[in-house]
């Protein structure tokens, strides 16, 4: 099924509203399983797609926010917690980043055993 994204314009902010996938359930399931790395998206201060995915517990969003908090905003505890949430949800990209970060900073190799390749 191909993803179709609608570009709706908000009259208040004059920026795109949250895109959605046609033919999917309206209950948020799309946002919980949407992989941010498979589709283009905009990382801005008012990114509604990112917010909605985060609210729905989307692992790729936890990963993006975790990397942003840890490496860019220097909010280490929050960033590491978000990365771990993504790992615990089975998001493979997060596993590598989380495991390598723990190895480099704390000589901890606990998560290396989870690598599949």
C-alpha atoms as a PDB file:
ATOM      1  CA  UNK A   1       0.000   0.000   0.000  1.00  0.00           C
ATOM      2  CA  UNK A   2       1.503   3.310  -1.031  1.00  0.00           C
ATOM      3  CA  UNK A   3       1.517   6.153   1.459  1.00  0.00           C
ATOM      4  CA  UNK A   4      -0.424   9.164   0.349  1.00  0.00           C
ATOM      5  CA  UNK A   5       0.184  12.371   2.242  1.00  0.00           C
ATOM      6  CA  UNK A   6      -2.200  15.284   2.135  1.00  0.00           C
ATOM      7  CA  UNK A   7      -0.868  18.805   2.545  1.00  0.00           C
ATOM      8  CA  UNK A   8      -3.483  20.729   4.467  1.00  0.00           C
ATOM      9  CA  UNK A   9      -2.783  24.313   5.396  1.00  0.00           C
ATOM     10  CA  UNK A  10      -3.566  25.692   8.814  1.00  0.00           C
ATOM     11  CA  UNK A  11      -5.125  29.120   8.672  1.00  0.00           C
ATOM     12  CA  UNK A  12      -3.683  30.007  12.072  1.00  0.00           C
ATOM     13  CA  UNK A  13      -0.009  29.212  11.387  1.00  0.00           C
ATOM     14  CA  UNK A  14      -0.049  28.847   7.611  1.00  0.00           C
ATOM     15  CA  UNK A  15       2.021  25.686   7.807  1.00  0.00           C
ATOM     16  CA  UNK A  16       1.235  22.046   6.981  1.00  0.00           C
ATOM     17  CA  UNK A  17      -0.997  20.083   9.314  1.00  0.00           C
ATOM     18  CA  UNK A  18      -0.258  16.496  10.321  1.00  0.00           C
ATOM     19  CA  UNK A  19      -0.064  14.328   7.197  1.00  0.00           C
ATOM     20  CA  UNK A  20      -1.984  11.062   7.317  1.00  0.00           C
ATOM     21  CA  UNK A  21      -2.094   7.842   5.403  1.00  0.00           C
ATOM     22  CA  UNK A  22      -5.291   7.294   3.446  1.00  0.00           C
ATOM     23  CA  UNK A  23      -7.054   4.001   3.937  1.00  0.00           C
ATOM     24  CA  UNK A  24      -5.707   3.541   7.456  1.00  0.00           C
ATOM     25  CA  UNK A  25      -7.520   3.523  10.737  1.00  0.00           C
ATOM     26  CA  UNK A  26      -8.173   6.984  12.199  1.00  0.00           C
ATOM     27  CA  UNK A  27      -7.346   5.934  15.778  1.00  0.00           C
ATOM     28  CA  UNK A  28      -3.650   6.858  15.720  1.00  0.00           C
ATOM     29  CA  UNK A  29      -2.340   3.426  14.748  1.00  0.00           C
ATOM     30  CA  UNK A  30      -0.685   4.982  11.700  1.00  0.00           C
ATOM     31  CA  UNK A  31       1.285   7.374  13.876  1.00  0.00           C
ATOM     32  CA  UNK A  32       2.377   4.633  16.262  1.00  0.00           C
ATOM     33  CA  UNK A  33       3.888   2.550  13.448  1.00  0.00           C
ATOM     34  CA  UNK A  34       5.044   5.284  11.028  1.00  0.00           C
ATOM     35  CA  UNK A  35       8.817   4.964  10.412  1.00  0.00           C
ATOM     36  CA  UNK A  36      10.199   8.480  10.059  1.00  0.00           C
ATOM     37  CA  UNK A  37      13.177   7.167   8.081  1.00  0.00           C
ATOM     38  CA  UNK A  38      11.075   5.727   5.270  1.00  0.00           C
ATOM     39  CA  UNK A  39       9.334   8.984   4.320  1.00  0.00           C
ATOM     40  CA  UNK A  40      10.484  12.595   4.086  1.00  0.00           C
ATOM     41  CA  UNK A  41       9.432  14.804   6.959  1.00  0.00           C
ATOM     42  CA  UNK A  42      10.236  18.261   8.219  1.00  0.00           C
ATOM     43  CA  UNK A  43      12.004  18.724  11.547  1.00  0.00           C
ATOM     44  CA  UNK A  44      10.852  22.167  12.620  1.00  0.00           C
ATOM     45  CA  UNK A  45       9.771  23.733  15.852  1.00  0.00           C
ATOM     46  CA  UNK A  46       6.098  23.210  15.023  1.00  0.00           C
ATOM     47  CA  UNK A  47       6.347  19.744  13.522  1.00  0.00           C
ATOM     48  CA  UNK A  48       2.911  18.264  14.064  1.00  0.00           C
ATOM     49  CA  UNK A  49       3.771  14.904  12.502  1.00  0.00           C
ATOM     50  CA  UNK A  50       6.652  14.387  14.915  1.00  0.00           C
ATOM     51  CA  UNK A  51       4.484  15.408  17.882  1.00  0.00           C
ATOM     52  CA  UNK A  52       1.636  13.115  16.906  1.00  0.00           C
ATOM     53  CA  UNK A  53       3.956  10.154  16.363  1.00  0.00           C
ATOM     54  CA  UNK A  54       5.620  10.817  19.740  1.00  0.00           C
ATOM     55  CA  UNK A  55       2.243  10.982  21.490  1.00  0.00           C
ATOM     56  CA  UNK A  56       1.306   7.610  19.982  1.00  0.00           C
ATOM     57  CA  UNK A  57       4.499   5.945  21.277  1.00  0.00           C
ATOM     58  CA  UNK A  58       6.272   5.704  17.929  1.00  0.00           C
ATOM     59  CA  UNK A  59       9.759   4.120  18.373  1.00  0.00           C
ATOM     60  CA  UNK A  60      11.364   6.015  15.478  1.00  0.00           C
ATOM     61  CA  UNK A  61      10.235   9.264  17.094  1.00  0.00           C
ATOM     62  CA  UNK A  62      11.764   8.233  20.423  1.00  0.00           C
ATOM     63  CA  UNK A  63      14.993   7.593  18.530  1.00  0.00           C
ATOM     64  CA  UNK A  64      14.972  10.971  16.737  1.00  0.00           C
ATOM     65  CA  UNK A  65      14.143  12.873  19.923  1.00  0.00           C
ATOM     66  CA  UNK A  66      16.655  10.827  21.947  1.00  0.00           C
ATOM     67  CA  UNK A  67      19.494  11.636  19.554  1.00  0.00           C
ATOM     68  CA  UNK A  68      18.450  15.293  19.488  1.00  0.00           C
ATOM     69  CA  UNK A  69      18.315  15.541  23.285  1.00  0.00           C
ATOM     70  CA  UNK A  70      21.496  13.576  23.965  1.00  0.00           C
ATOM     71  CA  UNK A  71      23.833  14.826  21.247  1.00  0.00           C
ATOM     72  CA  UNK A  72      22.490  18.243  20.301  1.00  0.00           C
ATOM     73  CA  UNK A  73      20.767  19.696  23.356  1.00  0.00           C
ATOM     74  CA  UNK A  74      23.101  18.067  25.910  1.00  0.00           C
ATOM     75  CA  UNK A  75      20.132  16.712  27.868  1.00  0.00           C
ATOM     76  CA  UNK A  76      21.873  13.414  28.507  1.00  0.00           C
ATOM     77  CA  UNK A  77      19.462  11.690  30.898  1.00  0.00           C
ATOM     78  CA  UNK A  78      16.372  12.484  28.830  1.00  0.00           C
ATOM     79  CA  UNK A  79      18.095  11.577  25.590  1.00  0.00           C
ATOM     80  CA  UNK A  80      19.365   8.255  26.892  1.00  0.00           C
ATOM     81  CA  UNK A  81      15.927   7.415  28.322  1.00  0.00           C
ATOM     82  CA  UNK A  82      14.300   8.080  24.932  1.00  0.00           C
ATOM     83  CA  UNK A  83      16.915   6.002  23.113  1.00  0.00           C
ATOM     84  CA  UNK A  84      16.305   3.136  25.544  1.00  0.00           C
ATOM     85  CA  UNK A  85      12.532   3.392  24.980  1.00  0.00           C
ATOM     86  CA  UNK A  86      13.148   3.027  21.253  1.00  0.00           C
ATOM     87  CA  UNK A  87      15.441   0.038  21.867  1.00  0.00           C
ATOM     88  CA  UNK A  88      12.893  -1.619  24.160  1.00  0.00           C
ATOM     89  CA  UNK A  89      10.261  -1.131  21.439  1.00  0.00           C
ATOM     90  CA  UNK A  90      12.497  -3.044  19.016  1.00  0.00           C
ATOM     91  CA  UNK A  91      13.729  -0.150  16.886  1.00  0.00           C
ATOM     92  CA  UNK A  92      17.007  -1.452  15.404  1.00  0.00           C
ATOM     93  CA  UNK A  93      18.622   1.913  14.599  1.00  0.00           C
ATOM     94  CA  UNK A  94      18.244   2.893  18.233  1.00  0.00           C
ATOM     95  CA  UNK A  95      19.873  -0.317  19.436  1.00  0.00           C
ATOM     96  CA  UNK A  96      23.145   0.439  17.657  1.00  0.00           C
ATOM     97  CA  UNK A  97      23.223   4.084  18.802  1.00  0.00           C
ATOM     98  CA  UNK A  98      22.293   3.191  22.385  1.00  0.00           C
ATOM     99  CA  UNK A  99      24.772   0.305  22.640  1.00  0.00           C
ATOM    100  CA  UNK A 100      27.669   2.292  21.158  1.00  0.00           C
ATOM    101  CA  UNK A 101      26.915   5.325  23.349  1.00  0.00           C
ATOM    102  CA  UNK A 102      26.955   3.166  26.482  1.00  0.00           C
ATOM    103  CA  UNK A 103      30.183   1.454  25.352  1.00  0.00           C
ATOM    104  CA  UNK A 104      31.994   4.715  24.585  1.00  0.00           C
ATOM    105  CA  UNK A 105      30.896   6.609  27.689  1.00  0.00           C
ATOM    106  CA  UNK A 106      30.643   3.875  30.327  1.00  0.00           C
ATOM    107  CA  UNK A 107      32.460   0.807  28.896  1.00  0.00           C
ATOM    108  CA  UNK A 108      29.125  -1.022  29.089  1.00  0.00           C
ATOM    109  CA  UNK A 109      28.652  -3.843  26.553  1.00  0.00           C
ATOM    110  CA  UNK A 110      25.330  -5.163  27.873  1.00  0.00           C
ATOM    111  CA  UNK A 111      23.337  -4.313  24.730  1.00  0.00           C
ATOM    112  CA  UNK A 112      25.876  -5.740  22.261  1.00  0.00           C
ATOM    113  CA  UNK A 113      24.340  -9.175  22.684  1.00  0.00           C
ATOM    114  CA  UNK A 114      21.139  -7.910  21.059  1.00  0.00           C
ATOM    115  CA  UNK A 115      22.786  -7.189  17.706  1.00  0.00           C
ATOM    116  CA  UNK A 116      21.396  -9.474  15.014  1.00  0.00           C
ATOM    117  CA  UNK A 117      24.140  -9.011  12.451  1.00  0.00           C
END
